[in-house]
Amino acid sequence: MPVQVRPFHFHMLFLEGATIENPWGGTTFTRIKAPSHSDMVEIVHTISQRIVRYLEKVGLVERDMENSFLQ
């Protein structure tokens, strides 16, 4: 089965803050507290789960329950 080539796009995480709408119709970058180590572990785990789920869905990988590190 040939792999379908799809247009790609990028996502960016601003871990030092968030962009919010201001009253003048523009946006303002607001600093927030840095994420903790456990916050980062949780983010990486969530992203890896979603990537594997997608790869399984399109048939590019098959989960090996005996050796799965993404349980």
Protein backbone atom coordinates (compact mmCIF):
# COMPACT_ATOMS: atom_id res chain seq x y z
CA MET A 1 0.00 0.00 0.00
CA PRO A 2 1.60 3.33 -1.02
CA VAL A 3 1.97 6.01 1.62
CA GLN A 4 -0.14 9.09 0.95
CA VAL A 5 1.78 12.35 0.94
CA ARG A 6 -0.17 15.03 2.77
CA PRO A 7 0.57 18.71 3.15
CA PHE A 8 2.26 19.33 6.47
CA HIS A 9 2.07 22.14 8.95
CA PHE A 10 3.84 23.12 12.12
CA HIS A 11 2.69 23.61 15.68
CA MET A 12 4.65 25.62 18.19
CA LEU A 13 4.52 25.54 21.96
CA PHE A 14 5.30 28.78 23.77
CA LEU A 15 6.27 27.36 27.13
CA GLU A 16 7.23 30.75 28.57
CA GLY A 17 3.83 32.30 28.09
CA ALA A 18 0.66 32.55 26.08
CA THR A 19 -0.64 34.82 23.36
CA ILE A 20 -3.97 36.40 24.26
CA GLU A 21 -6.25 38.84 22.47
CA ASN A 22 -6.07 42.40 23.73
CA PRO A 23 -8.90 44.96 23.80
CA TRP A 24 -7.58 46.65 20.63
CA GLY A 25 -8.06 43.60 18.41
CA GLY A 26 -4.42 42.54 18.47
CA THR A 27 -2.57 39.98 20.49
CA THR A 28 -0.28 40.28 23.48
CA PHE A 29 2.28 37.78 24.72
CA THR A 30 1.88 37.22 28.46
CA ARG A 31 4.58 35.49 30.48
CA ILE A 32 3.57 32.57 32.67
CA LYS A 33 5.38 30.32 35.12
CA ALA A 34 7.73 27.82 33.46
CA PRO A 35 6.47 24.24 33.30
CA SER A 36 7.84 21.81 35.84
CA HIS A 37 9.68 18.62 34.95
CA SER A 38 6.53 16.60 35.62
CA ASP A 39 4.52 18.95 33.35
CA MET A 40 7.01 18.31 30.53
CA VAL A 41 6.89 14.54 31.11
CA GLU A 42 3.10 14.67 30.84
CA ILE A 43 3.21 16.75 27.63
CA VAL A 44 5.73 14.43 25.97
CA HIS A 45 3.72 11.37 26.99
CA THR A 46 0.49 12.84 25.58
CA ILE A 47 2.14 13.81 22.29
CA SER A 48 3.78 10.40 21.88
CA GLN A 49 0.46 8.63 22.54
CA ARG A 50 -1.25 10.71 19.87
CA ILE A 51 1.50 10.11 17.32
CA VAL A 52 1.41 6.35 17.87
CA ARG A 53 -2.40 6.31 17.69
CA TYR A 54 -2.22 8.13 14.34
CA LEU A 55 0.48 5.83 12.97
CA GLU A 56 -1.60 2.80 14.00
CA LYS A 57 -4.70 4.31 12.39
CA VAL A 58 -2.97 4.79 9.03
CA GLY A 59 -1.39 1.33 9.24
CA LEU A 60 2.25 2.36 9.49
CA VAL A 61 2.87 0.67 12.85
CA GLU A 62 1.34 -2.18 14.78
CA ARG A 63 1.44 -2.15 18.58
CA ASP A 64 3.45 -4.95 20.20
CA MET A 65 1.82 -5.40 23.62
CA GLU A 66 4.75 -7.45 24.99
CA ASN A 67 7.30 -4.72 24.21
CA SER A 68 5.20 -1.58 24.23
CA PHE A 69 6.81 1.41 25.92
CA LEU A 70 3.72 3.53 25.27
CA GLN A 71 1.27 1.85 27.65
